[in-house]
Amino acid sequence: MPQMSPLSWMLLMFYFLMIYTLINMTNYAFFSYSLITVLKKIKTSINWKW
């Protein structure tokens, strides 16, 4: 395996860190709000015209 330059290692670390933060944000959004209230909000937002 050829040795990578320090810049590419930094980019790789930054890339994985970004993916990690995105996964954490989505998990926080899913677990902080209960699913029932989210579904009710979606239903009310869909049904407000009719």
Protein backbone atom coordinates (compact mmCIF):
# COMPACT_ATOMS: atom_id res chain seq x y z
CA MET A 1 0.00 0.00 0.00
CA PRO A 2 1.57 3.31 -1.02
CA GLN A 3 2.04 5.96 1.62
CA MET A 4 -0.44 8.81 1.47
CA SER A 5 0.51 12.44 1.83
CA PRO A 6 -0.54 14.21 5.06
CA LEU A 7 -2.98 16.41 3.14
CA SER A 8 -4.94 13.44 1.81
CA TRP A 9 -5.04 11.93 5.31
CA MET A 10 -6.44 15.23 6.60
CA LEU A 11 -9.05 15.30 3.84
CA LEU A 12 -10.02 11.71 4.59
CA MET A 13 -10.36 12.51 8.30
CA PHE A 14 -12.42 15.61 7.51
CA TYR A 15 -14.66 13.59 5.17
CA PHE A 16 -15.35 10.89 7.77
CA LEU A 17 -15.91 13.54 10.44
CA MET A 18 -18.53 15.22 8.24
CA ILE A 19 -20.29 11.88 7.66
CA TYR A 20 -20.19 11.17 11.41
CA THR A 21 -21.72 14.55 12.27
CA LEU A 22 -24.46 14.11 9.67
CA ILE A 23 -25.35 10.67 11.06
CA ASN A 24 -25.39 12.08 14.59
CA MET A 25 -27.63 14.97 13.54
CA THR A 26 -30.13 12.64 11.86
CA ASN A 27 -30.13 10.29 14.86
CA TYR A 28 -30.70 13.23 17.22
CA ALA A 29 -33.57 14.50 15.06
CA PHE A 30 -35.18 11.05 14.97
CA PHE A 31 -34.84 10.25 18.67
CA SER A 32 -35.55 13.68 20.16
CA TYR A 33 -38.95 14.00 18.50
CA SER A 34 -41.45 11.22 19.04
CA LEU A 35 -42.74 9.64 15.86
CA ILE A 36 -46.44 10.11 16.70
CA THR A 37 -46.21 13.90 17.03
CA VAL A 38 -44.21 14.11 13.80
CA LEU A 39 -46.86 12.07 11.98
CA LYS A 40 -49.62 14.27 13.43
CA LYS A 41 -47.79 17.39 12.26
CA ILE A 42 -47.39 15.89 8.79
CA LYS A 43 -51.10 14.98 8.67
CA THR A 44 -52.17 18.46 9.76
CA SER A 45 -49.84 20.11 7.26
CA ILE A 46 -51.26 17.91 4.48
CA ASN A 47 -54.92 18.37 5.49
CA TRP A 48 -54.96 22.13 6.05
CA LYS A 49 -56.15 22.85 2.48
CA TRP A 50 -59.10 20.45 2.58
